[in-house]
Amino acid sequence: MRPSDAWAKMAHRETERVGIDDLEDRITAVLLTPYPPGIPLLIPGERFNRTIVQYLQFAREFNRRFPGFETDIHGLSELDVDGEEFLYVDCVRQ
């Protein structure tokens, strides 16, 4: 999907929040950029593959184990559900 098409889906609220464990083969509606180094993993319209999902799972576990040394990933959002952290990415609705 072209980035402009993914952006249009977001502008028309044709997106959904998808937990990081369920991202494989989904199309992102947002730019996903870890800091450091600040180089995008995915741009809107690209599909998640297994390697990127595994990286996000690693980052989640690293952040839990080493508070104060968290990796900041722009585009990865956090939601507190009943006291439990839920990490998700806005994806194009299927």
PDB file of N, CA and C in Angstrom:
ATOM      1  N   MET A   1       0.854  -1.179   0.000  1.00  0.00           N
ATOM      2  CA  MET A   1       0.000   0.000   0.000  1.00  0.00           C
ATOM      3  C   MET A   1       0.895   1.235   0.000  1.00  0.00           C
ATOM      4  N   ARG A   2       0.532   2.217  -0.780  1.00  0.00           N
ATOM      5  CA  ARG A   2       1.309   3.461  -0.810  1.00  0.00           C
ATOM      6  C   ARG A   2       1.137   4.208   0.520  1.00  0.00           C
ATOM      7  N   PRO A   3       2.171   4.944   0.948  1.00  0.00           N
ATOM      8  CA  PRO A   3       2.058   5.717   2.181  1.00  0.00           C
ATOM      9  C   PRO A   3       0.861   6.671   2.172  1.00  0.00           C
ATOM     10  N   SER A   4       0.577   7.277   1.035  1.00  0.00           N
ATOM     11  CA  SER A   4      -0.556   8.217   0.972  1.00  0.00           C
ATOM     12  C   SER A   4      -1.885   7.494   1.180  1.00  0.00           C
ATOM     13  N   ASP A   5      -1.987   6.251   0.716  1.00  0.00           N
ATOM     14  CA  ASP A   5      -3.213   5.476   0.934  1.00  0.00           C
ATOM     15  C   ASP A   5      -3.374   5.113   2.411  1.00  0.00           C
ATOM     16  N   ALA A   6      -2.270   4.748   3.056  1.00  0.00           N
ATOM     17  CA  ALA A   6      -2.320   4.440   4.489  1.00  0.00           C
ATOM     18  C   ALA A   6      -2.696   5.686   5.286  1.00  0.00           C
ATOM     19  N   TRP A   7      -2.146   6.836   4.891  1.00  0.00           N
ATOM     20  CA  TRP A   7      -2.486   8.089   5.568  1.00  0.00           C
ATOM     21  C   TRP A   7      -3.971   8.400   5.399  1.00  0.00           C
ATOM     22  N   ALA A   8      -4.506   8.178   4.213  1.00  0.00           N
ATOM     23  CA  ALA A   8      -5.933   8.415   3.966  1.00  0.00           C
ATOM     24  C   ALA A   8      -6.786   7.514   4.854  1.00  0.00           C
ATOM     25  N   LYS A   9      -6.353   6.271   5.047  1.00  0.00           N
ATOM     26  CA  LYS A   9      -7.087   5.357   5.937  1.00  0.00           C
ATOM     27  C   LYS A   9      -7.099   5.906   7.360  1.00  0.00           C
ATOM     28  N   MET A  10      -5.968   6.449   7.795  1.00  0.00           N
ATOM     29  CA  MET A  10      -5.921   7.007   9.144  1.00  0.00           C
ATOM     30  C   MET A  10      -6.805   8.249   9.240  1.00  0.00           C
ATOM     31  N   ALA A  11      -6.754   9.099   8.230  1.00  0.00           N
ATOM     32  CA  ALA A  11      -7.556  10.326   8.234  1.00  0.00           C
ATOM     33  C   ALA A  11      -9.052  10.019   8.272  1.00  0.00           C
ATOM     34  N   HIS A  12      -9.446   8.886   7.687  1.00  0.00           N
ATOM     35  CA  HIS A  12     -10.859   8.495   7.674  1.00  0.00           C
ATOM     36  C   HIS A  12     -11.205   7.501   8.785  1.00  0.00           C
ATOM     37  N   ARG A  13     -10.288   7.366   9.744  1.00  0.00           N
ATOM     38  CA  ARG A  13     -10.472   6.480  10.900  1.00  0.00           C
ATOM     39  C   ARG A  13     -10.747   5.034  10.502  1.00  0.00           C
ATOM     40  N   GLU A  14     -10.058   4.591   9.489  1.00  0.00           N
ATOM     41  CA  GLU A  14     -10.158   3.204   9.039  1.00  0.00           C
ATOM     42  C   GLU A  14      -8.942   2.428   9.551  1.00  0.00           C
ATOM     43  N   THR A  15      -8.681   2.605  10.850  1.00  0.00           N
ATOM     44  CA  THR A  15      -7.551   1.945  11.493  1.00  0.00           C
ATOM     45  C   THR A  15      -8.040   1.237  12.746  1.00  0.00           C
ATOM     46  N   GLU A  16      -7.172   0.387  13.271  1.00  0.00           N
ATOM     47  CA  GLU A  16      -7.467  -0.279  14.532  1.00  0.00           C
ATOM     48  C   GLU A  16      -6.168  -0.482  15.293  1.00  0.00           C
ATOM     49  N   ARG A  17      -6.301  -0.559  16.617  1.00  0.00           N
ATOM     50  CA  ARG A  17      -5.141  -0.806  17.463  1.00  0.00           C
ATOM     51  C   ARG A  17      -4.867  -2.301  17.476  1.00  0.00           C
ATOM     52  N   VAL A  18      -3.615  -2.648  17.208  1.00  0.00           N
ATOM     53  CA  VAL A  18      -3.226  -4.053  17.158  1.00  0.00           C
ATOM     54  C   VAL A  18      -2.060  -4.258  18.120  1.00  0.00           C
ATOM     55  N   GLY A  19      -2.215  -5.201  19.040  1.00  0.00           N
ATOM     56  CA  GLY A  19      -1.152  -5.522  19.984  1.00  0.00           C
ATOM     57  C   GLY A  19       0.076  -6.059  19.269  1.00  0.00           C
ATOM     58  N   ILE A  20       1.243  -5.838  19.859  1.00  0.00           N
ATOM     59  CA  ILE A  20       2.475  -6.195  19.160  1.00  0.00           C
ATOM     60  C   ILE A  20       2.584  -7.691  18.871  1.00  0.00           C
ATOM     61  N   ASP A  21       1.959  -8.535  19.666  1.00  0.00           N
ATOM     62  CA  ASP A  21       2.031  -9.974  19.410  1.00  0.00           C
ATOM     63  C   ASP A  21       1.205 -10.391  18.198  1.00  0.00           C
ATOM     64  N   ASP A  22       0.330  -9.518  17.722  1.00  0.00           N
ATOM     65  CA  ASP A  22      -0.574  -9.834  16.609  1.00  0.00           C
ATOM     66  C   ASP A  22      -0.284  -9.018  15.349  1.00  0.00           C
ATOM     67  N   LEU A  23       0.899  -8.446  15.247  1.00  0.00           N
ATOM     68  CA  LEU A  23       1.200  -7.517  14.151  1.00  0.00           C
ATOM     69  C   LEU A  23       1.659  -8.162  12.844  1.00  0.00           C
ATOM     70  N   GLU A  24       2.121  -9.394  12.883  1.00  0.00           N
ATOM     71  CA  GLU A  24       2.682  -9.988  11.667  1.00  0.00           C
ATOM     72  C   GLU A  24       1.666  -9.972  10.523  1.00  0.00           C
ATOM     73  N   ASP A  25       2.101  -9.497   9.364  1.00  0.00           N
ATOM     74  CA  ASP A  25       1.310  -9.367   8.128  1.00  0.00           C
ATOM     75  C   ASP A  25       0.290  -8.232   8.155  1.00  0.00           C
ATOM     76  N   ARG A  26       0.275  -7.428   9.213  1.00  0.00           N
ATOM     77  CA  ARG A  26      -0.623  -6.271   9.250  1.00  0.00           C
ATOM     78  C   ARG A  26       0.065  -5.084   8.585  1.00  0.00           C
ATOM     79  N   ILE A  27      -0.733  -4.122   8.113  1.00  0.00           N
ATOM     80  CA  ILE A  27      -0.218  -2.926   7.446  1.00  0.00           C
ATOM     81  C   ILE A  27      -0.252  -1.771   8.437  1.00  0.00           C
ATOM     82  N   THR A  28       0.901  -1.144   8.642  1.00  0.00           N
ATOM     83  CA  THR A  28       0.962  -0.034   9.582  1.00  0.00           C
ATOM     84  C   THR A  28       0.362   1.238   8.978  1.00  0.00           C
ATOM     85  N   ALA A  29      -0.282   2.001   9.845  1.00  0.00           N
ATOM     86  CA  ALA A  29      -0.830   3.294   9.435  1.00  0.00           C
ATOM     87  C   ALA A  29       0.057   4.433   9.930  1.00  0.00           C
ATOM     88  N   VAL A  30       1.106   4.086  10.681  1.00  0.00           N
ATOM     89  CA  VAL A  30       1.976   5.100  11.283  1.00  0.00           C
ATOM     90  C   VAL A  30       3.439   4.802  10.970  1.00  0.00           C
ATOM     91  N   LEU A  31       4.258   5.809  11.155  1.00  0.00           N
ATOM     92  CA  LEU A  31       5.706   5.658  11.045  1.00  0.00           C
ATOM     93  C   LEU A  31       6.197   5.014  12.337  1.00  0.00           C
ATOM     94  N   LEU A  32       6.977   3.972  12.246  1.00  0.00           N
ATOM     95  CA  LEU A  32       7.494   3.266  13.417  1.00  0.00           C
ATOM     96  C   LEU A  32       9.002   3.464  13.463  1.00  0.00           C
ATOM     97  N   THR A  33       9.467   4.249  14.451  1.00  0.00           N
ATOM     98  CA  THR A  33      10.870   4.662  14.493  1.00  0.00           C
ATOM     99  C   THR A  33      11.455   4.497  15.889  1.00  0.00           C
ATOM    100  N   PRO A  34      12.416   3.591  16.074  1.00  0.00           N
ATOM    101  CA  PRO A  34      13.081   3.457  17.376  1.00  0.00           C
ATOM    102  C   PRO A  34      14.173   4.515  17.551  1.00  0.00           C
ATOM    103  N   TYR A  35      14.291   5.004  18.795  1.00  0.00           N
ATOM    104  CA  TYR A  35      15.361   5.945  19.160  1.00  0.00           C
ATOM    105  C   TYR A  35      16.148   5.357  20.308  1.00  0.00           C
ATOM    106  N   PRO A  36      17.443   5.287  20.265  1.00  0.00           N
ATOM    107  CA  PRO A  36      18.237   5.450  19.069  1.00  0.00           C
ATOM    108  C   PRO A  36      18.041   4.265  18.137  1.00  0.00           C
ATOM    109  N   PRO A  37      18.359   4.382  16.907  1.00  0.00           N
ATOM    110  CA  PRO A  37      19.134   5.384  16.183  1.00  0.00           C
ATOM    111  C   PRO A  37      18.275   6.427  15.482  1.00  0.00           C
ATOM    112  N   GLY A  38      16.950   6.262  15.445  1.00  0.00           N
ATOM    113  CA  GLY A  38      16.105   7.240  14.765  1.00  0.00           C
ATOM    114  C   GLY A  38      15.896   6.946  13.295  1.00  0.00           C
ATOM    115  N   ILE A  39      16.112   5.700  12.902  1.00  0.00           N
ATOM    116  CA  ILE A  39      15.891   5.281  11.513  1.00  0.00           C
ATOM    117  C   ILE A  39      14.592   4.487  11.467  1.00  0.00           C
ATOM    118  N   PRO A  40      13.631   4.875  10.628  1.00  0.00           N
ATOM    119  CA  PRO A  40      12.337   4.179  10.614  1.00  0.00           C
ATOM    120  C   PRO A  40      12.469   2.684  10.296  1.00  0.00           C
ATOM    121  N   LEU A  41      11.723   1.881  11.062  1.00  0.00           N
ATOM    122  CA  LEU A  41      11.588   0.454  10.755  1.00  0.00           C
ATOM    123  C   LEU A  41      10.577   0.262   9.638  1.00  0.00           C
ATOM    124  N   LEU A  42       9.462   0.976   9.749  1.00  0.00           N
ATOM    125  CA  LEU A  42       8.382   0.889   8.768  1.00  0.00           C
ATOM    126  C   LEU A  42       7.799   2.271   8.540  1.00  0.00           C
ATOM    127  N   ILE A  43       7.352   2.498   7.318  1.00  0.00           N
ATOM    128  CA  ILE A  43       6.601   3.714   7.027  1.00  0.00           C
ATOM    129  C   ILE A  43       5.155   3.307   6.773  1.00  0.00           C
ATOM    130  N   PRO A  44       4.214   4.240   6.886  1.00  0.00           N
ATOM    131  CA  PRO A  44       2.811   3.888   6.659  1.00  0.00           C
ATOM    132  C   PRO A  44       2.624   3.172   5.321  1.00  0.00           C
ATOM    133  N   GLY A  45       1.852   2.081   5.371  1.00  0.00           N
ATOM    134  CA  GLY A  45       1.576   1.305   4.171  1.00  0.00           C
ATOM    135  C   GLY A  45       2.405   0.039   4.056  1.00  0.00           C
ATOM    136  N   GLU A  46       3.439  -0.102   4.899  1.00  0.00           N
ATOM    137  CA  GLU A  46       4.267  -1.310   4.851  1.00  0.00           C
ATOM    138  C   GLU A  46       3.728  -2.367   5.817  1.00  0.00           C
ATOM    139  N   ARG A  47       4.042  -3.636   5.507  1.00  0.00           N
ATOM    140  CA  ARG A  47       3.590  -4.761   6.332  1.00  0.00           C
ATOM    141  C   ARG A  47       4.633  -5.139   7.379  1.00  0.00           C
ATOM    142  N   PHE A  48       4.129  -5.541   8.535  1.00  0.00           N
ATOM    143  CA  PHE A  48       5.000  -6.086   9.571  1.00  0.00           C
ATOM    144  C   PHE A  48       5.415  -7.496   9.171  1.00  0.00           C
ATOM    145  N   ASN A  49       6.688  -7.806   9.372  1.00  0.00           N
ATOM    146  CA  ASN A  49       7.145  -9.181   9.181  1.00  0.00           C
ATOM    147  C   ASN A  49       7.564  -9.747  10.536  1.00  0.00           C
ATOM    148  N   ARG A  50       7.898 -11.015  10.541  1.00  0.00           N
ATOM    149  CA  ARG A  50       8.229 -11.685  11.804  1.00  0.00           C
ATOM    150  C   ARG A  50       9.422 -11.035  12.507  1.00  0.00           C
ATOM    151  N   THR A  51      10.431 -10.631  11.761  1.00  0.00           N
ATOM    152  CA  THR A  51      11.630 -10.034  12.358  1.00  0.00           C
ATOM    153  C   THR A  51      11.294  -8.746  13.102  1.00  0.00           C
ATOM    154  N   ILE A  52      10.472  -7.908  12.516  1.00  0.00           N
ATOM    155  CA  ILE A  52      10.107  -6.648  13.173  1.00  0.00           C
ATOM    156  C   ILE A  52       9.250  -6.917  14.402  1.00  0.00           C
ATOM    157  N   VAL A  53       8.340  -7.868  14.322  1.00  0.00           N
ATOM    158  CA  VAL A  53       7.525  -8.224  15.489  1.00  0.00           C
ATOM    159  C   VAL A  53       8.425  -8.740  16.609  1.00  0.00           C
ATOM    160  N   GLN A  54       9.394  -9.575  16.281  1.00  0.00           N
ATOM    161  CA  GLN A  54      10.321 -10.084  17.294  1.00  0.00           C
ATOM    162  C   GLN A  54      11.135  -8.950  17.917  1.00  0.00           C
ATOM    163  N   TYR A  55      11.531  -7.968  17.123  1.00  0.00           N
ATOM    164  CA  TYR A  55      12.249  -6.811  17.663  1.00  0.00           C
ATOM    165  C   TYR A  55      11.375  -6.053  18.664  1.00  0.00           C
ATOM    166  N   LEU A  56      10.108  -5.835  18.329  1.00  0.00           N
ATOM    167  CA  LEU A  56       9.204  -5.126  19.240  1.00  0.00           C
ATOM    168  C   LEU A  56       8.974  -5.924  20.519  1.00  0.00           C
ATOM    169  N   GLN A  57       8.880  -7.232  20.416  1.00  0.00           N
ATOM    170  CA  GLN A  57       8.734  -8.080  21.599  1.00  0.00           C
ATOM    171  C   GLN A  57       9.993  -8.011  22.462  1.00  0.00           C
ATOM    172  N   PHE A  58      11.159  -8.010  21.821  1.00  0.00           N
ATOM    173  CA  PHE A  58      12.414  -7.859  22.552  1.00  0.00           C
ATOM    174  C   PHE A  58      12.454  -6.517  23.280  1.00  0.00           C
ATOM    175  N   ALA A  59      12.073  -5.448  22.586  1.00  0.00           N
ATOM    176  CA  ALA A  59      12.084  -4.113  23.198  1.00  0.00           C
ATOM    177  C   ALA A  59      11.143  -4.068  24.396  1.00  0.00           C
ATOM    178  N   ARG A  60       9.968  -4.691  24.279  1.00  0.00           N
ATOM    179  CA  ARG A  60       9.022  -4.737  25.403  1.00  0.00           C
ATOM    180  C   ARG A  60       9.662  -5.418  26.608  1.00  0.00           C
ATOM    181  N   GLU A  61      10.294  -6.571  26.390  1.00  0.00           N
ATOM    182  CA  GLU A  61      10.915  -7.315  27.487  1.00  0.00           C
ATOM    183  C   GLU A  61      12.107  -6.551  28.062  1.00  0.00           C
ATOM    184  N   PHE A  62      12.917  -5.944  27.208  1.00  0.00           N
ATOM    185  CA  PHE A  62      14.057  -5.154  27.665  1.00  0.00           C
ATOM    186  C   PHE A  62      13.585  -4.008  28.556  1.00  0.00           C
ATOM    187  N   ASN A  63      12.539  -3.307  28.126  1.00  0.00           N
ATOM    188  CA  ASN A  63      12.029  -2.171  28.896  1.00  0.00           C
ATOM    189  C   ASN A  63      11.489  -2.611  30.249  1.00  0.00           C
ATOM    190  N   ARG A  64      10.899  -3.783  30.321  1.00  0.00           N
ATOM    191  CA  ARG A  64      10.398  -4.302  31.602  1.00  0.00           C
ATOM    192  C   ARG A  64      11.541  -4.666  32.538  1.00  0.00           C
ATOM    193  N   ARG A  65      12.595  -5.239  31.988  1.00  0.00           N
ATOM    194  CA  ARG A  65      13.708  -5.724  32.809  1.00  0.00           C
ATOM    195  C   ARG A  65      14.669  -4.626  33.249  1.00  0.00           C
ATOM    196  N   PHE A  66      14.768  -3.577  32.444  1.00  0.00           N
ATOM    197  CA  PHE A  66      15.762  -2.546  32.720  1.00  0.00           C
ATOM    198  C   PHE A  66      15.128  -1.160  32.755  1.00  0.00           C
ATOM    199  N   PRO A  67      14.314  -0.879  33.781  1.00  0.00           N
ATOM    200  CA  PRO A  67      13.698   0.448  33.866  1.00  0.00           C
ATOM    201  C   PRO A  67      14.772   1.532  33.951  1.00  0.00           C
ATOM    202  N   GLY A  68      14.508   2.627  33.270  1.00  0.00           N
ATOM    203  CA  GLY A  68      15.468   3.717  33.210  1.00  0.00           C
ATOM    204  C   GLY A  68      16.334   3.670  31.955  1.00  0.00           C
ATOM    205  N   PHE A  69      16.329   2.522  31.273  1.00  0.00           N
ATOM    206  CA  PHE A  69      17.106   2.356  30.043  1.00  0.00           C
ATOM    207  C   PHE A  69      16.197   2.017  28.863  1.00  0.00           C
ATOM    208  N   GLU A  70      14.938   2.408  28.955  1.00  0.00           N
ATOM    209  CA  GLU A  70      13.939   2.037  27.958  1.00  0.00           C
ATOM    210  C   GLU A  70      14.298   2.535  26.562  1.00  0.00           C
ATOM    211  N   THR A  71      13.926   1.734  25.580  1.00  0.00           N
ATOM    212  CA  THR A  71      14.009   2.127  24.181  1.00  0.00           C
ATOM    213  C   THR A  71      12.732   2.875  23.847  1.00  0.00           C
ATOM    214  N   ASP A  72      12.860   4.032  23.239  1.00  0.00           N
ATOM    215  CA  ASP A  72      11.691   4.808  22.828  1.00  0.00           C
ATOM    216  C   ASP A  72      11.412   4.497  21.366  1.00  0.00           C
ATOM    217  N   ILE A  73      10.205   4.015  21.086  1.00  0.00           N
ATOM    218  CA  ILE A  73       9.841   3.685  19.712  1.00  0.00           C
ATOM    219  C   ILE A  73       8.635   4.527  19.325  1.00  0.00           C
ATOM    220  N   HIS A  74       8.875   5.560  18.526  1.00  0.00           N
ATOM    221  CA  HIS A  74       7.772   6.405  18.064  1.00  0.00           C
ATOM    222  C   HIS A  74       6.855   5.574  17.175  1.00  0.00           C
ATOM    223  N   GLY A  75       5.557   5.698  17.406  1.00  0.00           N
ATOM    224  CA  GLY A  75       4.570   4.918  16.671  1.00  0.00           C
ATOM    225  C   GLY A  75       4.075   3.727  17.460  1.00  0.00           C
ATOM    226  N   LEU A  76       4.831   3.312  18.465  1.00  0.00           N
ATOM    227  CA  LEU A  76       4.415   2.243  19.369  1.00  0.00           C
ATOM    228  C   LEU A  76       3.750   2.917  20.557  1.00  0.00           C
ATOM    229  N   SER A  77       2.480   2.649  20.748  1.00  0.00           N
ATOM    230  CA  SER A  77       1.722   3.326  21.794  1.00  0.00           C
ATOM    231  C   SER A  77       1.465   2.392  22.958  1.00  0.00           C
ATOM    232  N   GLU A  78       1.239   2.989  24.112  1.00  0.00           N
ATOM    233  CA  GLU A  78       1.024   2.228  25.336  1.00  0.00           C
ATOM    234  C   GLU A  78      -0.353   2.553  25.894  1.00  0.00           C
ATOM    235  N   LEU A  79      -1.033   1.523  26.335  1.00  0.00           N
ATOM    236  CA  LEU A  79      -2.346   1.674  26.939  1.00  0.00           C
ATOM    237  C   LEU A  79      -2.344   0.863  28.219  1.00  0.00           C
ATOM    238  N   ASP A  80      -2.816   1.456  29.308  1.00  0.00           N
ATOM    239  CA  ASP A  80      -2.905   0.751  30.581  1.00  0.00           C
ATOM    240  C   ASP A  80      -4.294   0.132  30.693  1.00  0.00           C
ATOM    241  N   VAL A  81      -4.347  -1.203  30.735  1.00  0.00           N
ATOM    242  CA  VAL A  81      -5.613  -1.925  30.844  1.00  0.00           C
ATOM    243  C   VAL A  81      -5.601  -2.687  32.160  1.00  0.00           C
ATOM    244  N   ASP A  82      -6.403  -2.216  33.108  1.00  0.00           N
ATOM    245  CA  ASP A  82      -6.497  -2.857  34.427  1.00  0.00           C
ATOM    246  C   ASP A  82      -5.129  -3.029  35.077  1.00  0.00           C
ATOM    247  N   GLY A  83      -4.302  -2.010  34.984  1.00  0.00           N
ATOM    248  CA  GLY A  83      -2.990  -2.036  35.608  1.00  0.00           C
ATOM    249  C   GLY A  83      -1.922  -2.777  34.820  1.00  0.00           C
ATOM    250  N   GLU A  84      -2.276  -3.305  33.666  1.00  0.00           N
ATOM    251  CA  GLU A  84      -1.305  -4.009  32.831  1.00  0.00           C
ATOM    252  C   GLU A  84      -1.009  -3.197  31.576  1.00  0.00           C
ATOM    253  N   GLU A  85       0.261  -3.132  31.229  1.00  0.00           N
ATOM    254  CA  GLU A  85       0.698  -2.380  30.055  1.00  0.00           C
ATOM    255  C   GLU A  85       0.355  -3.148  28.777  1.00  0.00           C
ATOM    256  N   PHE A  86      -0.275  -2.461  27.838  1.00  0.00           N
ATOM    257  CA  PHE A  86      -0.629  -3.035  26.540  1.00  0.00           C
ATOM    258  C   PHE A  86       0.028  -2.172  25.480  1.00  0.00           C
ATOM    259  N   LEU A  87       0.907  -2.765  24.672  1.00  0.00           N
ATOM    260  CA  LEU A  87       1.594  -2.033  23.610  1.00  0.00           C
ATOM    261  C   LEU A  87       0.936  -2.355  22.284  1.00  0.00           C
ATOM    262  N   TYR A  88       0.684  -1.324  21.502  1.00  0.00           N
ATOM    263  CA  TYR A  88      -0.011  -1.518  20.232  1.00  0.00           C
ATOM    264  C   TYR A  88       0.497  -0.543  19.181  1.00  0.00           C
ATOM    265  N   VAL A  89       0.143  -0.841  17.938  1.00  0.00           N
ATOM    266  CA  VAL A  89       0.432   0.028  16.797  1.00  0.00           C
ATOM    267  C   VAL A  89      -0.876   0.225  16.049  1.00  0.00           C
ATOM    268  N   ASP A  90      -1.111   1.438  15.564  1.00  0.00           N
ATOM    269  CA  ASP A  90      -2.296   1.691  14.741  1.00  0.00           C
ATOM    270  C   ASP A  90      -2.048   1.126  13.349  1.00  0.00           C
ATOM    271  N   CYS A  91      -2.922   0.207  12.938  1.00  0.00           N
ATOM    272  CA  CYS A  91      -2.806  -0.459  11.640  1.00  0.00           C
ATOM    273  C   CYS A  91      -4.049  -0.193  10.809  1.00  0.00           C
ATOM    274  N   VAL A  92      -3.910  -0.365   9.512  1.00  0.00           N
ATOM    275  CA  VAL A  92      -5.044  -0.241   8.602  1.00  0.00           C
ATOM    276  C   VAL A  92      -6.038  -1.344   8.947  1.00  0.00           C
ATOM    277  N   ARG A  93      -7.294  -0.964   9.079  1.00  0.00           N
ATOM    278  CA  ARG A  93      -8.338  -1.937   9.404  1.00  0.00           C
ATOM    279  C   ARG A  93      -8.450  -2.961   8.286  1.00  0.00           C
ATOM    280  N   GLN A  94      -8.574  -4.223   8.668  1.00  0.00           N
ATOM    281  CA  GLN A  94      -8.704  -5.298   7.672  1.00  0.00           C
ATOM    282  C   GLN A  94     -10.151  -5.519   7.309  1.00  0.00           C
TER     283      GLN A  94
END
